[in-house]
Amino acid sequence: MKWIKYTIMEEHDYGTAEDPDVRQVFNDAQILYTGEASIQDALKEAYNGEYQIIDIPDPRPLSEIQSARQEENKAALAAWLAAHPLTWTDGKRYGVEEQDQNELALNLMQYQVNKAAGQPAMLEWHAQKEECRAFEEAEYTALSMAISAYVYPYRRYQEKVKAAIYDAQTAEAVEAVVIDYSSVIIEEGDADA
């Protein structure tokens, strides 16, 4: 882990209103280095604008570091899918997040169970920011398959990153694993980039 270390200077008055005794007090400070923004934050407080970027080994066990990095990987995929819905053949945008996929599958399963039991069954789904509408079974299945095909390359990438995280033998190697869902190449027409 990289940290930015610097010194903060504060003035404290140890005297009275009639007899001030102002002294400069220096304290060490450090913040996690996350890029240029963290340097700018340090510079706002650093005495004389001086700072150092240093490596401090992560004290956590490797397995804990790997698990935390894998959680970052999962969160990155979720954020990517939330920000990149599928534009389907009807020109409407459909959510592809895990929750959307689960609800879509549950609706289809409930429809099939009701139909098999001889009960009335209707398939409904919705485009983003729209009300549900009735779908024919073939149309609903096609949408479900389109979402699955759209998400598939991102899931494969997530698994590739996960393998790299758990194959890493040091904390530094774990941190060096790149998580960049924008680098995933998908087929023309599948993405709404």
C-alpha atoms as a PDB file:
ATOM      1  CA  MET A   1       0.000   0.000   0.000  1.00  0.00           C
ATOM      2  CA  LYS A   2       1.211   3.467  -0.782  1.00  0.00           C
ATOM      3  CA  TRP A   3       0.761   6.264   1.709  1.00  0.00           C
ATOM      4  CA  ILE A   4       1.418   9.967   1.560  1.00  0.00           C
ATOM      5  CA  LYS A   5       3.287  11.164   4.648  1.00  0.00           C
ATOM      6  CA  TYR A   6       3.607  14.830   5.518  1.00  0.00           C
ATOM      7  CA  THR A   7       3.844  17.212   8.446  1.00  0.00           C
ATOM      8  CA  ILE A   8       1.074  19.497   9.654  1.00  0.00           C
ATOM      9  CA  MET A   9       1.928  22.738  11.448  1.00  0.00           C
ATOM     10  CA  GLU A  10      -0.576  24.362  13.772  1.00  0.00           C
ATOM     11  CA  GLU A  11      -0.160  27.405  15.960  1.00  0.00           C
ATOM     12  CA  HIS A  12      -1.330  27.167  19.557  1.00  0.00           C
ATOM     13  CA  ASP A  13      -1.480  30.002  22.054  1.00  0.00           C
ATOM     14  CA  TYR A  14      -0.307  28.769  25.444  1.00  0.00           C
ATOM     15  CA  GLY A  15      -0.398  32.208  26.989  1.00  0.00           C
ATOM     16  CA  THR A  16      -3.119  34.593  28.009  1.00  0.00           C
ATOM     17  CA  ALA A  17      -4.853  37.466  26.246  1.00  0.00           C
ATOM     18  CA  GLU A  18      -2.475  39.891  27.966  1.00  0.00           C
ATOM     19  CA  ASP A  19       0.646  37.784  27.473  1.00  0.00           C
ATOM     20  CA  PRO A  20       0.306  35.544  24.363  1.00  0.00           C
ATOM     21  CA  ASP A  21       2.690  32.618  23.986  1.00  0.00           C
ATOM     22  CA  VAL A  22       2.109  31.358  20.427  1.00  0.00           C
ATOM     23  CA  ARG A  23       4.028  28.232  19.514  1.00  0.00           C
ATOM     24  CA  GLN A  24       4.169  26.185  16.372  1.00  0.00           C
ATOM     25  CA  VAL A  25       3.208  22.543  16.911  1.00  0.00           C
ATOM     26  CA  PHE A  26       4.224  19.973  14.305  1.00  0.00           C
ATOM     27  CA  ASN A  27       2.479  16.632  13.874  1.00  0.00           C
ATOM     28  CA  ASP A  28       3.000  13.820  11.421  1.00  0.00           C
ATOM     29  CA  ALA A  29       0.081  12.859   9.179  1.00  0.00           C
ATOM     30  CA  GLN A  30      -0.545  10.287   6.493  1.00  0.00           C
ATOM     31  CA  ILE A  31      -3.302   9.450   4.037  1.00  0.00           C
ATOM     32  CA  LEU A  32      -3.753   6.563   1.638  1.00  0.00           C
ATOM     33  CA  TYR A  33      -2.315   7.289  -1.794  1.00  0.00           C
ATOM     34  CA  THR A  34      -5.065   6.875  -4.386  1.00  0.00           C
ATOM     35  CA  GLY A  35      -3.677   9.059  -7.144  1.00  0.00           C
ATOM     36  CA  GLU A  36      -3.346  12.729  -7.936  1.00  0.00           C
ATOM     37  CA  ALA A  37      -6.425  13.726  -5.906  1.00  0.00           C
ATOM     38  CA  SER A  38      -4.895  12.350  -2.705  1.00  0.00           C
ATOM     39  CA  ILE A  39      -1.692  14.330  -3.352  1.00  0.00           C
ATOM     40  CA  GLN A  40      -3.765  17.494  -3.749  1.00  0.00           C
ATOM     41  CA  ASP A  41      -5.511  16.737  -0.444  1.00  0.00           C
ATOM     42  CA  ALA A  42      -2.153  16.300   1.292  1.00  0.00           C
ATOM     43  CA  LEU A  43      -0.814  19.530  -0.183  1.00  0.00           C
ATOM     44  CA  LYS A  44      -3.690  21.469   1.401  1.00  0.00           C
ATOM     45  CA  GLU A  45      -2.349  20.565   4.850  1.00  0.00           C
ATOM     46  CA  ALA A  46       1.341  19.806   4.322  1.00  0.00           C
ATOM     47  CA  TYR A  47       3.795  22.181   5.990  1.00  0.00           C
ATOM     48  CA  ASN A  48       5.818  23.976   3.289  1.00  0.00           C
ATOM     49  CA  GLY A  49       4.116  21.753   0.689  1.00  0.00           C
ATOM     50  CA  GLU A  50       6.457  18.869   1.494  1.00  0.00           C
ATOM     51  CA  TYR A  51       5.303  15.256   1.367  1.00  0.00           C
ATOM     52  CA  GLN A  52       6.602  11.755   0.661  1.00  0.00           C
ATOM     53  CA  ILE A  53       4.927   8.801  -0.966  1.00  0.00           C
ATOM     54  CA  ILE A  54       5.999   5.621   0.793  1.00  0.00           C
ATOM     55  CA  ASP A  55       5.162   1.938   0.579  1.00  0.00           C
ATOM     56  CA  ILE A  56       3.891   0.413   3.799  1.00  0.00           C
ATOM     57  CA  PRO A  57       3.241  -3.315   3.609  1.00  0.00           C
ATOM     58  CA  ASP A  58      -0.391  -4.290   4.176  1.00  0.00           C
ATOM     59  CA  PRO A  59      -0.435  -6.138   7.524  1.00  0.00           C
ATOM     60  CA  ARG A  60      -3.490  -8.241   6.668  1.00  0.00           C
ATOM     61  CA  PRO A  61      -3.114 -11.901   5.690  1.00  0.00           C
ATOM     62  CA  LEU A  62      -2.914 -12.466   1.930  1.00  0.00           C
ATOM     63  CA  SER A  63      -6.246 -14.312   1.896  1.00  0.00           C
ATOM     64  CA  GLU A  64      -7.965 -11.287   3.462  1.00  0.00           C
ATOM     65  CA  ILE A  65      -6.381  -8.925   0.928  1.00  0.00           C
ATOM     66  CA  GLN A  66      -7.496 -11.216  -1.897  1.00  0.00           C
ATOM     67  CA  SER A  67     -11.058 -11.396  -0.555  1.00  0.00           C
ATOM     68  CA  ALA A  68     -11.250  -7.611  -0.254  1.00  0.00           C
ATOM     69  CA  ARG A  69      -9.958  -7.195  -3.812  1.00  0.00           C
ATOM     70  CA  GLN A  70     -12.500  -9.722  -5.097  1.00  0.00           C
ATOM     71  CA  GLU A  71     -15.256  -7.687  -3.406  1.00  0.00           C
ATOM     72  CA  GLU A  72     -13.947  -4.670  -5.352  1.00  0.00           C
ATOM     73  CA  ASN A  73     -14.165  -6.775  -8.513  1.00  0.00           C
ATOM     74  CA  LYS A  74     -17.789  -7.719  -7.778  1.00  0.00           C
ATOM     75  CA  ALA A  75     -18.701  -4.120  -6.997  1.00  0.00           C
ATOM     76  CA  ALA A  76     -17.040  -2.938 -10.215  1.00  0.00           C
ATOM     77  CA  LEU A  77     -19.094  -5.387 -12.282  1.00  0.00           C
ATOM     78  CA  ALA A  78     -22.302  -4.351 -10.525  1.00  0.00           C
ATOM     79  CA  ALA A  79     -21.545  -0.664 -11.129  1.00  0.00           C
ATOM     80  CA  TRP A  80     -20.701  -1.321 -14.771  1.00  0.00           C
ATOM     81  CA  LEU A  81     -23.910  -3.251 -15.414  1.00  0.00           C
ATOM     82  CA  ALA A  82     -25.979  -0.600 -13.627  1.00  0.00           C
ATOM     83  CA  ALA A  83     -24.527   2.091 -15.868  1.00  0.00           C
ATOM     84  CA  HIS A  84     -24.758   0.105 -19.122  1.00  0.00           C
ATOM     85  CA  PRO A  85     -28.242  -1.316 -19.767  1.00  0.00           C
ATOM     86  CA  LEU A  86     -29.118  -3.302 -22.874  1.00  0.00           C
ATOM     87  CA  THR A  87     -30.837  -1.528 -25.752  1.00  0.00           C
ATOM     88  CA  TRP A  88     -32.963  -4.299 -27.194  1.00  0.00           C
ATOM     89  CA  THR A  89     -34.548  -4.840 -30.601  1.00  0.00           C
ATOM     90  CA  ASP A  90     -37.594  -2.772 -29.606  1.00  0.00           C
ATOM     91  CA  GLY A  91     -35.292   0.235 -29.076  1.00  0.00           C
ATOM     92  CA  LYS A  92     -35.939   0.289 -25.340  1.00  0.00           C
ATOM     93  CA  ARG A  93     -33.363   0.019 -22.593  1.00  0.00           C
ATOM     94  CA  TYR A  94     -33.521  -2.920 -20.174  1.00  0.00           C
ATOM     95  CA  GLY A  95     -31.658  -3.265 -16.905  1.00  0.00           C
ATOM     96  CA  VAL A  96     -29.079  -6.044 -16.772  1.00  0.00           C
ATOM     97  CA  GLU A  97     -28.038  -5.921 -13.136  1.00  0.00           C
ATOM     98  CA  GLU A  98     -28.073  -9.112 -11.082  1.00  0.00           C
ATOM     99  CA  GLN A  99     -31.393  -8.113  -9.508  1.00  0.00           C
ATOM    100  CA  ASP A 100     -32.926  -7.596 -12.943  1.00  0.00           C
ATOM    101  CA  GLN A 101     -31.679 -10.990 -14.105  1.00  0.00           C
ATOM    102  CA  ASN A 102     -32.985 -12.726 -10.979  1.00  0.00           C
ATOM    103  CA  GLU A 103     -36.426 -11.115 -11.243  1.00  0.00           C
ATOM    104  CA  LEU A 104     -36.626 -11.914 -14.940  1.00  0.00           C
ATOM    105  CA  ALA A 105     -35.817 -15.583 -14.265  1.00  0.00           C
ATOM    106  CA  LEU A 106     -38.237 -15.752 -11.313  1.00  0.00           C
ATOM    107  CA  ASN A 107     -41.066 -14.278 -13.393  1.00  0.00           C
ATOM    108  CA  LEU A 108     -40.458 -16.845 -16.134  1.00  0.00           C
ATOM    109  CA  MET A 109     -40.321 -19.707 -13.626  1.00  0.00           C
ATOM    110  CA  GLN A 110     -43.572 -18.589 -11.945  1.00  0.00           C
ATOM    111  CA  TYR A 111     -45.217 -18.269 -15.348  1.00  0.00           C
ATOM    112  CA  GLN A 112     -44.135 -21.792 -16.310  1.00  0.00           C
ATOM    113  CA  VAL A 113     -45.300 -23.275 -12.978  1.00  0.00           C
ATOM    114  CA  ASN A 114     -48.712 -21.580 -13.252  1.00  0.00           C
ATOM    115  CA  LYS A 115     -49.053 -22.692 -16.864  1.00  0.00           C
ATOM    116  CA  ALA A 116     -48.095 -26.298 -15.992  1.00  0.00           C
ATOM    117  CA  ALA A 117     -50.647 -26.282 -13.141  1.00  0.00           C
ATOM    118  CA  GLY A 118     -53.365 -25.110 -15.502  1.00  0.00           C
ATOM    119  CA  GLN A 119     -53.588 -21.731 -13.766  1.00  0.00           C
ATOM    120  CA  PRO A 120     -53.922 -18.407 -15.550  1.00  0.00           C
ATOM    121  CA  ALA A 121     -50.459 -17.146 -16.418  1.00  0.00           C
ATOM    122  CA  MET A 122     -49.207 -13.876 -17.810  1.00  0.00           C
ATOM    123  CA  LEU A 123     -45.652 -12.743 -18.450  1.00  0.00           C
ATOM    124  CA  GLU A 124     -44.902  -9.117 -17.691  1.00  0.00           C
ATOM    125  CA  TRP A 125     -41.713  -7.124 -17.751  1.00  0.00           C
ATOM    126  CA  HIS A 126     -40.632  -3.537 -18.200  1.00  0.00           C
ATOM    127  CA  ALA A 127     -38.066  -1.371 -19.889  1.00  0.00           C
ATOM    128  CA  GLN A 128     -36.156   1.021 -17.649  1.00  0.00           C
ATOM    129  CA  LYS A 129     -38.330   3.751 -16.158  1.00  0.00           C
ATOM    130  CA  GLU A 130     -41.481   2.255 -17.679  1.00  0.00           C
ATOM    131  CA  GLU A 131     -44.440   0.292 -16.377  1.00  0.00           C
ATOM    132  CA  CYS A 132     -44.657  -3.454 -16.849  1.00  0.00           C
ATOM    133  CA  ARG A 133     -46.335  -4.667 -20.002  1.00  0.00           C
ATOM    134  CA  ALA A 134     -47.482  -8.074 -21.172  1.00  0.00           C
ATOM    135  CA  PHE A 135     -45.005 -10.170 -23.137  1.00  0.00           C
ATOM    136  CA  GLU A 136     -45.586 -13.213 -25.292  1.00  0.00           C
ATOM    137  CA  GLU A 137     -43.545 -16.184 -24.060  1.00  0.00           C
ATOM    138  CA  ALA A 138     -41.267 -16.182 -27.123  1.00  0.00           C
ATOM    139  CA  GLU A 139     -40.626 -12.438 -26.803  1.00  0.00           C
ATOM    140  CA  TYR A 140     -39.907 -12.718 -23.072  1.00  0.00           C
ATOM    141  CA  THR A 141     -37.570 -15.658 -23.620  1.00  0.00           C
ATOM    142  CA  ALA A 142     -35.759 -13.765 -26.382  1.00  0.00           C
ATOM    143  CA  LEU A 143     -35.257 -10.771 -24.077  1.00  0.00           C
ATOM    144  CA  SER A 144     -33.999 -13.013 -21.281  1.00  0.00           C
ATOM    145  CA  MET A 145     -31.549 -14.688 -23.657  1.00  0.00           C
ATOM    146  CA  ALA A 146     -30.405 -11.308 -25.036  1.00  0.00           C
ATOM    147  CA  ILE A 147     -29.655 -10.063 -21.510  1.00  0.00           C
ATOM    148  CA  SER A 148     -27.798 -13.270 -20.710  1.00  0.00           C
ATOM    149  CA  ALA A 149     -25.723 -12.985 -23.896  1.00  0.00           C
ATOM    150  CA  TYR A 150     -25.026  -9.306 -23.182  1.00  0.00           C
ATOM    151  CA  VAL A 151     -23.819  -9.979 -19.635  1.00  0.00           C
ATOM    152  CA  TYR A 152     -21.846 -13.148 -20.485  1.00  0.00           C
ATOM    153  CA  PRO A 153     -18.563 -11.438 -21.584  1.00  0.00           C
ATOM    154  CA  TYR A 154     -18.571  -9.329 -18.409  1.00  0.00           C
ATOM    155  CA  ARG A 155     -19.072 -12.406 -16.222  1.00  0.00           C
ATOM    156  CA  ARG A 156     -16.200 -14.172 -18.009  1.00  0.00           C
ATOM    157  CA  TYR A 157     -14.017 -11.101 -17.417  1.00  0.00           C
ATOM    158  CA  GLN A 158     -15.023 -11.061 -13.741  1.00  0.00           C
ATOM    159  CA  GLU A 159     -13.946 -14.700 -13.443  1.00  0.00           C
ATOM    160  CA  LYS A 160     -10.637 -13.958 -15.200  1.00  0.00           C
ATOM    161  CA  VAL A 161      -9.932 -11.110 -12.748  1.00  0.00           C
ATOM    162  CA  LYS A 162     -10.973 -13.313  -9.814  1.00  0.00           C
ATOM    163  CA  ALA A 163      -8.514 -16.020 -10.905  1.00  0.00           C
ATOM    164  CA  ALA A 164      -5.721 -13.437 -11.196  1.00  0.00           C
ATOM    165  CA  ILE A 165      -6.515 -12.108  -7.713  1.00  0.00           C
ATOM    166  CA  TYR A 166      -6.394 -15.565  -6.121  1.00  0.00           C
ATOM    167  CA  ASP A 167      -3.317 -16.604  -8.149  1.00  0.00           C
ATOM    168  CA  ALA A 168      -1.373 -13.580  -6.858  1.00  0.00           C
ATOM    169  CA  GLN A 169       1.245 -14.529  -4.281  1.00  0.00           C
ATOM    170  CA  THR A 170       1.826 -11.119  -2.675  1.00  0.00           C
ATOM    171  CA  ALA A 171      -0.285  -8.181  -1.542  1.00  0.00           C
ATOM    172  CA  GLU A 172       1.414  -6.033  -4.179  1.00  0.00           C
ATOM    173  CA  ALA A 173       0.503  -8.517  -6.897  1.00  0.00           C
ATOM    174  CA  VAL A 174      -3.119  -8.548  -5.714  1.00  0.00           C
ATOM    175  CA  GLU A 175      -3.282  -4.743  -5.874  1.00  0.00           C
ATOM    176  CA  ALA A 176      -1.677  -4.803  -9.321  1.00  0.00           C
ATOM    177  CA  VAL A 177      -4.535  -6.874 -10.791  1.00  0.00           C
ATOM    178  CA  VAL A 178      -6.371  -4.569 -13.183  1.00  0.00           C
ATOM    179  CA  ILE A 179     -10.147  -4.321 -12.854  1.00  0.00           C
ATOM    180  CA  ASP A 180     -11.456  -2.474 -15.920  1.00  0.00           C
ATOM    181  CA  TYR A 181     -14.828  -3.527 -17.275  1.00  0.00           C
ATOM    182  CA  SER A 182     -14.613  -0.931 -20.034  1.00  0.00           C
ATOM    183  CA  SER A 183     -11.874  -3.077 -21.587  1.00  0.00           C
ATOM    184  CA  VAL A 184     -14.273  -5.967 -22.233  1.00  0.00           C
ATOM    185  CA  ILE A 185     -14.819  -6.447 -25.942  1.00  0.00           C
ATOM    186  CA  ILE A 186     -18.334  -7.439 -26.924  1.00  0.00           C
ATOM    187  CA  GLU A 187     -19.942  -8.137 -30.254  1.00  0.00           C
ATOM    188  CA  GLU A 188     -21.346  -5.287 -32.340  1.00  0.00           C
ATOM    189  CA  GLY A 189     -24.951  -4.573 -31.456  1.00  0.00           C
ATOM    190  CA  ASP A 190     -24.739  -6.189 -28.008  1.00  0.00           C
ATOM    191  CA  ALA A 191     -23.626  -3.091 -26.156  1.00  0.00           C
ATOM    192  CA  ASP A 192     -25.092   0.280 -25.517  1.00  0.00           C
ATOM    193  CA  ALA A 193     -21.765   2.014 -25.010  1.00  0.00           C
END
